Amino acid sequence: MTGATEVTAPAVTPFDHAERHIWSGRAEAYADTYARLCAHPVPALLDAAEVGPGTRVLDVGCGTGTVSAAAVARGASVYAADADPGMVAATRRNVPSATAHIARLPELPYEDDTFDAAVGNFVLNHVGRPLAALAELRRITRPGGRVAVTIWRSPGAPGQTLIGRAARTAGLTRPTWLPALAPQDDFPRTKEGLAALLDAAGLLGAECSEVAWEHRCDPDTWWAGAERGIGAIGQVLNGGGAEGIAAARRAYDGLCTEFRTRDGLLVLPHVALLASGRA
C-alpha cells in the first residue's frame, strides 16, 4: 500500500513476555476492578469502526468481553482474541455468541481481508511492537474496512496517576525485571503521535481525538486493582512487599482527599486517545 511502512512479523519482545506474566490469572481481578473504567470509550470506539448490524468485527485484546458484548448488541458478527487464556475464557462465558480465540498481536490466526472492522480497546498499551500490531490489524481487515483503537494518553490524567503518586511517595520503584517498551518501538502518546502511527501502518485517513471522562469508584475498589497485581502499577506496588504496600496505602488514603465526594466515592479524571483509519 502506498505510503505504508513495511512491517514484518517480529519475534516476541521482552516487553511482550512481561505482559503475559503480568496478566496471567488476573481476568477475575480485572473484571472486579478496572473493567468498568475501560468500558467508557467502547461506544465511541465501535462508532469509529462503523460497527453495526451484520458487520464482521474482530475485538482484539478482548479482555473479559466488554467490547464484544457491545458489538453483539449492535447486531455484529463478533470474533474476539486475547493473548491470555483466562481473558478468552471470560469472554466465552460473558459473550457466548462471540467466537473467541487465544491469539496475540502481531500474529493473528486470520486470513487477509477477513473482517469488515477491527477494534482494540487499550490493547496497544500491552504489545511490544505497536506499529506491527496496527499493520496486522490492517492486514486482516478488508480494503475500505475500519480499524479503531484506544490507548491511554501520556501524560496521564490525575485519576490515572493517583496510585502511581502514592507508590512514589512510599519510595516504591519499577521492578528491575519489568522492561519498558524498546525506544525504537515507542511513540508519543498524543493525538499526533497515535495518528502518525496509524499512518505508518498504512491505514488511510487516520484521525485521533481525546476522550475525557470522570470515573466514579469507591477507594477500596480502585486500590484493589493494583494490589491484586493488575498492570505495571500492580507490579510496582507488590514489588515493595507487605511493608511497601502498607506505606503506599497510607499515602493513597491521604491523596484520595483530592478526589473524594461527600458520599465517599472518588471522582477520577481520565483521558484516553481514540484513533481510527481505513484499511
Protein backbone atom coordinates (compact mmCIF):
# COMPACT_ATOMS: atom_id res chain seq x y z
CA MET A 1 0.00 0.00 0.00
CA THR A 2 1.39 3.37 -0.98
CA GLY A 3 2.93 5.27 1.92
CA ALA A 4 2.79 2.31 4.32
CA THR A 5 5.77 1.18 6.33
CA GLU A 6 6.64 -2.42 5.51
CA VAL A 7 6.36 -4.38 8.76
CA THR A 8 7.41 -8.00 9.04
CA ALA A 9 6.15 -10.31 11.79
CA PRO A 10 8.56 -9.74 14.69
CA ALA A 11 9.73 -12.07 17.39
CA VAL A 12 8.18 -11.79 20.82
CA THR A 13 9.89 -8.97 22.71
CA PRO A 14 10.88 -8.86 26.40
CA PHE A 15 8.00 -6.41 26.87
CA ASP A 16 5.57 -8.98 25.46
CA HIS A 17 6.92 -11.68 27.77
CA ALA A 18 6.46 -9.37 30.76
CA GLU A 19 2.91 -8.53 29.75
CA ARG A 20 1.99 -12.22 29.56
CA HIS A 21 3.37 -12.69 33.08
CA ILE A 22 1.59 -9.62 34.44
CA TRP A 23 -1.83 -10.60 33.12
CA SER A 24 -1.72 -14.35 33.66
CA GLY A 25 -4.51 -15.39 36.00
CA ARG A 26 -5.85 -11.87 36.50
CA ALA A 27 -9.05 -11.93 34.46
CA GLU A 28 -11.24 -12.04 37.57
CA ALA A 29 -9.30 -9.23 39.28
CA TYR A 30 -9.64 -7.09 36.16
CA ALA A 31 -13.37 -7.77 35.89
CA ASP A 32 -13.85 -6.80 39.54
CA THR A 33 -11.90 -3.52 39.34
CA TYR A 34 -10.78 -1.81 36.14
CA ALA A 35 -13.09 -3.33 33.52
CA ARG A 36 -15.78 -0.72 34.13
CA LEU A 37 -13.23 2.08 33.71
CA CYS A 38 -12.07 0.69 30.37
CA ALA A 39 -15.66 0.28 29.17
CA HIS A 40 -16.23 4.03 28.92
CA PRO A 41 -14.83 4.59 25.37
CA VAL A 42 -16.45 1.46 23.91
CA PRO A 43 -19.47 3.12 22.22
CA ALA A 44 -17.23 5.72 20.57
CA LEU A 45 -14.73 3.01 19.58
CA LEU A 46 -17.43 0.99 17.83
CA ASP A 47 -18.81 4.11 16.17
CA ALA A 48 -15.34 4.93 14.82
CA ALA A 49 -15.10 1.41 13.39
CA GLU A 50 -18.62 1.74 11.91
CA VAL A 51 -19.77 -1.43 13.66
CA GLY A 52 -23.45 -2.16 13.12
CA PRO A 53 -25.85 -4.92 12.04
CA GLY A 54 -24.04 -7.57 10.01
CA THR A 55 -20.55 -6.14 10.49
CA ARG A 56 -17.92 -8.86 10.77
CA VAL A 57 -15.71 -7.44 13.51
CA LEU A 58 -12.65 -8.58 15.45
CA ASP A 59 -12.29 -7.45 19.07
CA VAL A 60 -8.56 -7.88 19.68
CA GLY A 61 -7.32 -7.78 23.26
CA CYS A 62 -10.88 -8.65 24.21
CA GLY A 63 -10.29 -8.89 27.96
CA THR A 64 -13.43 -10.06 29.71
CA GLY A 65 -15.68 -9.28 26.74
CA THR A 66 -16.95 -5.73 27.21
CA VAL A 67 -16.37 -4.65 23.60
CA SER A 68 -17.56 -7.96 22.21
CA ALA A 69 -20.82 -7.73 24.15
CA ALA A 70 -21.44 -4.18 22.92
CA ALA A 71 -20.74 -5.21 19.31
CA VAL A 72 -23.12 -8.19 19.60
CA ALA A 73 -25.77 -5.81 20.92
CA ARG A 74 -25.37 -3.80 17.69
CA GLY A 75 -26.08 -6.91 15.62
CA ALA A 76 -22.47 -7.50 14.54
CA SER A 77 -20.89 -10.88 13.86
CA VAL A 78 -18.17 -10.87 16.52
CA TYR A 79 -14.81 -12.57 16.76
CA ALA A 80 -12.59 -11.99 19.76
CA ALA A 81 -8.92 -12.61 20.54
CA ASP A 82 -6.71 -12.22 23.58
CA ALA A 83 -3.24 -13.47 24.49
CA ASP A 84 -4.37 -14.54 27.96
CA PRO A 85 -6.37 -17.79 28.19
CA GLY A 86 -8.24 -16.55 31.26
CA MET A 87 -9.47 -13.50 29.39
CA VAL A 88 -10.62 -15.63 26.46
CA ALA A 89 -12.46 -17.96 28.83
CA ALA A 90 -14.18 -14.96 30.42
CA THR A 91 -15.26 -13.62 27.02
CA ARG A 92 -16.64 -17.03 26.07
CA ARG A 93 -18.70 -17.08 29.28
CA ASN A 94 -19.85 -13.48 29.05
CA VAL A 95 -20.47 -13.34 25.29
CA PRO A 96 -21.34 -16.87 24.16
CA SER A 97 -22.30 -15.75 20.66
CA ALA A 98 -18.79 -14.39 20.00
CA THR A 99 -16.13 -16.67 18.52
CA ALA A 100 -13.13 -16.22 20.82
CA HIS A 101 -9.56 -17.38 20.20
CA ILE A 102 -6.32 -17.32 22.17
CA ALA A 103 -4.07 -15.19 19.98
CA ARG A 104 -1.66 -12.32 20.35
CA LEU A 105 -0.65 -9.35 18.27
CA PRO A 106 1.05 -9.05 15.86
CA GLU A 107 0.47 -12.68 14.82
CA LEU A 108 -3.27 -13.28 14.47
CA PRO A 109 -4.69 -16.56 13.08
CA TYR A 110 -6.87 -14.95 10.42
CA GLU A 111 -6.53 -14.67 6.66
CA ASP A 112 -6.01 -11.36 4.89
CA ASP A 113 -9.13 -9.20 4.49
CA THR A 114 -11.22 -11.37 6.85
CA PHE A 115 -13.06 -8.61 8.74
CA ASP A 116 -15.10 -5.52 7.97
CA ALA A 117 -13.69 -3.89 11.10
CA ALA A 118 -11.06 -4.50 13.78
CA VAL A 119 -11.09 -2.80 17.17
CA GLY A 120 -8.65 -2.80 20.06
CA ASN A 121 -9.66 -1.17 23.34
CA PHE A 122 -6.40 -0.24 25.13
CA VAL A 123 -4.59 -3.21 23.59
CA LEU A 124 -1.74 -1.13 22.12
CA ASN A 125 -0.65 -0.35 25.69
CA HIS A 126 0.21 -4.03 26.08
CA VAL A 127 2.15 -5.01 22.94
CA GLY A 128 5.89 -4.77 22.36
CA ARG A 129 5.62 -3.64 18.72
CA PRO A 130 2.65 -1.25 18.38
CA LEU A 131 3.39 -0.44 14.73
CA ALA A 132 3.50 -4.12 13.79
CA ALA A 133 0.26 -4.65 15.75
CA LEU A 134 -1.54 -1.96 13.74
CA ALA A 135 -0.15 -3.33 10.48
CA GLU A 136 -1.55 -6.73 11.45
CA LEU A 137 -4.98 -5.22 12.09
CA ARG A 138 -4.82 -3.59 8.67
CA ARG A 139 -3.88 -6.95 7.11
CA ILE A 140 -6.87 -8.83 8.48
CA THR A 141 -9.32 -6.01 7.62
CA ARG A 142 -10.77 -5.84 4.12
CA PRO A 143 -9.90 -2.87 1.90
CA GLY A 144 -12.13 0.01 2.91
CA GLY A 145 -12.88 -1.55 6.28
CA ARG A 146 -12.24 0.28 9.53
CA VAL A 147 -9.62 -0.13 12.25
CA ALA A 148 -10.13 1.71 15.55
CA VAL A 149 -8.07 1.65 18.73
CA THR A 150 -7.82 3.35 22.10
CA ILE A 151 -4.78 3.93 24.31
CA TRP A 152 -4.12 5.94 27.45
CA ARG A 153 -2.82 9.43 26.83
CA SER A 154 0.55 10.40 28.27
CA PRO A 155 0.99 12.33 30.43
CA GLY A 156 -1.87 10.67 32.25
CA ALA A 157 -4.81 12.49 33.78
CA PRO A 158 -4.87 12.89 37.59
CA GLY A 159 -7.16 9.94 38.18
CA GLN A 160 -4.97 7.65 36.12
CA THR A 161 -1.83 8.60 38.05
CA LEU A 162 -3.25 8.50 41.59
CA ILE A 163 -1.87 5.13 42.68
CA GLY A 164 1.45 5.83 40.98
CA ARG A 165 1.77 9.01 43.05
CA ALA A 166 1.10 7.01 46.20
CA ALA A 167 3.72 4.43 45.22
CA ARG A 168 6.34 7.13 44.61
CA THR A 169 5.51 8.76 47.94
CA ALA A 170 6.18 5.40 49.59
CA GLY A 171 9.51 5.12 47.78
CA LEU A 172 8.46 2.27 45.51
CA THR A 173 10.10 1.95 42.09
CA ARG A 174 9.63 -0.10 38.94
CA PRO A 175 10.97 -3.66 39.39
CA THR A 176 14.18 -4.34 37.50
CA TRP A 177 12.62 -7.38 35.78
CA LEU A 178 9.85 -5.26 34.24
CA PRO A 179 11.06 -3.85 30.90
CA ALA A 180 9.81 -0.67 29.32
CA LEU A 181 8.91 -0.58 25.65
CA ALA A 182 12.04 -0.51 23.49
CA PRO A 183 12.77 3.08 22.36
CA GLN A 184 12.59 2.17 18.68
CA ASP A 185 9.10 0.76 19.21
CA ASP A 186 7.68 3.56 21.34
CA PHE A 187 5.73 6.57 20.12
CA PRO A 188 4.28 9.77 21.62
CA ARG A 189 1.03 9.01 23.43
CA THR A 190 -0.59 12.12 21.97
CA LYS A 191 -3.22 12.71 19.28
CA GLU A 192 -0.47 13.49 16.79
CA GLY A 193 1.69 10.56 17.84
CA LEU A 194 -1.04 7.95 17.58
CA ALA A 195 -2.37 9.31 14.27
CA ALA A 196 1.17 9.17 12.86
CA LEU A 197 1.47 5.54 13.97
CA LEU A 198 -1.72 4.64 12.09
CA ASP A 199 -0.36 6.44 9.04
CA ALA A 200 2.90 4.48 9.27
CA ALA A 201 0.96 1.21 9.47
CA GLY A 202 -0.72 2.01 6.15
CA LEU A 203 -4.14 3.00 7.47
CA LEU A 204 -5.81 5.71 5.40
CA GLY A 205 -7.45 8.89 6.63
CA ALA A 206 -6.22 8.39 10.18
CA GLU A 207 -7.95 10.53 12.78
CA CYS A 208 -7.35 10.77 16.52
CA SER A 209 -9.22 12.52 19.30
CA GLU A 210 -9.16 12.69 23.08
CA VAL A 211 -11.86 11.05 25.17
CA ALA A 212 -12.12 12.54 28.66
CA TRP A 213 -14.36 11.38 31.49
CA GLU A 214 -14.63 11.16 35.26
CA HIS A 215 -14.68 7.64 36.63
CA ARG A 216 -16.64 7.24 39.87
CA CYS A 217 -15.38 4.46 42.10
CA ASP A 218 -15.06 3.64 45.78
CA PRO A 219 -11.48 3.97 47.11
CA ASP A 220 -11.10 0.31 48.08
CA THR A 221 -12.09 -0.96 44.63
CA TRP A 222 -9.73 1.46 42.89
CA TRP A 223 -6.88 0.37 45.16
CA ALA A 224 -7.71 -3.33 44.83
CA GLY A 225 -6.89 -3.48 41.13
CA ALA A 226 -3.26 -2.54 41.69
CA GLU A 227 -2.97 -4.51 44.93
CA ARG A 228 -4.12 -7.63 43.04
CA GLY A 229 -1.30 -7.10 40.56
CA ILE A 230 -3.03 -5.58 37.57
CA GLY A 231 -0.77 -3.77 35.11
CA ALA A 232 2.66 -2.26 35.59
CA ILE A 233 1.46 -0.26 38.59
CA GLY A 234 0.43 -3.53 40.23
CA GLN A 235 3.98 -4.81 39.84
CA VAL A 236 5.43 -1.61 41.29
CA LEU A 237 3.12 -1.83 44.27
CA ASN A 238 3.70 -5.50 45.00
CA GLY A 239 7.43 -5.21 44.41
CA GLY A 240 7.69 -3.45 47.77
CA GLY A 241 6.30 -6.39 49.73
CA ALA A 242 3.81 -6.06 52.56
CA GLU A 243 5.62 -3.11 54.10
CA GLY A 244 5.75 -1.22 50.82
CA ILE A 245 2.10 -1.90 50.09
CA ALA A 246 1.13 -0.61 53.54
CA ALA A 247 3.19 2.55 53.10
CA ALA A 248 1.68 3.18 49.68
CA ARG A 249 -1.82 2.62 51.04
CA ARG A 250 -1.25 5.25 53.72
CA ALA A 251 -0.10 7.70 51.06
CA TYR A 252 -3.04 6.74 48.84
CA ASP A 253 -5.56 7.37 51.61
CA GLY A 254 -4.17 10.87 52.02
CA LEU A 255 -4.14 11.63 48.30
CA CYS A 256 -7.73 10.41 47.90
CA THR A 257 -8.95 13.56 49.64
CA GLU A 258 -8.32 15.41 46.35
CA PHE A 259 -10.94 13.28 44.60
CA ARG A 260 -13.38 12.20 47.33
CA THR A 261 -17.02 13.27 47.18
CA ARG A 262 -19.43 13.68 50.07
CA ASP A 263 -20.72 10.16 49.55
CA GLY A 264 -17.20 8.77 49.95
CA LEU A 265 -16.67 7.87 46.30
CA LEU A 266 -13.73 9.01 44.20
CA VAL A 267 -14.24 11.06 41.05
CA LEU A 268 -11.17 10.28 38.95
CA PRO A 269 -10.43 12.23 35.74
CA HIS A 270 -9.15 10.07 32.88
CA VAL A 271 -8.14 10.85 29.29
CA ALA A 272 -7.74 8.31 26.52
CA LEU A 273 -6.93 8.61 22.82
CA LEU A 274 -9.25 7.19 20.17
CA ALA A 275 -7.86 6.74 16.67
CA SER A 276 -9.26 5.17 13.53
CA GLY A 277 -8.50 4.74 9.84
CA ARG A 278 -9.40 2.75 6.74
CA ALA A 279 -7.61 -0.42 5.64
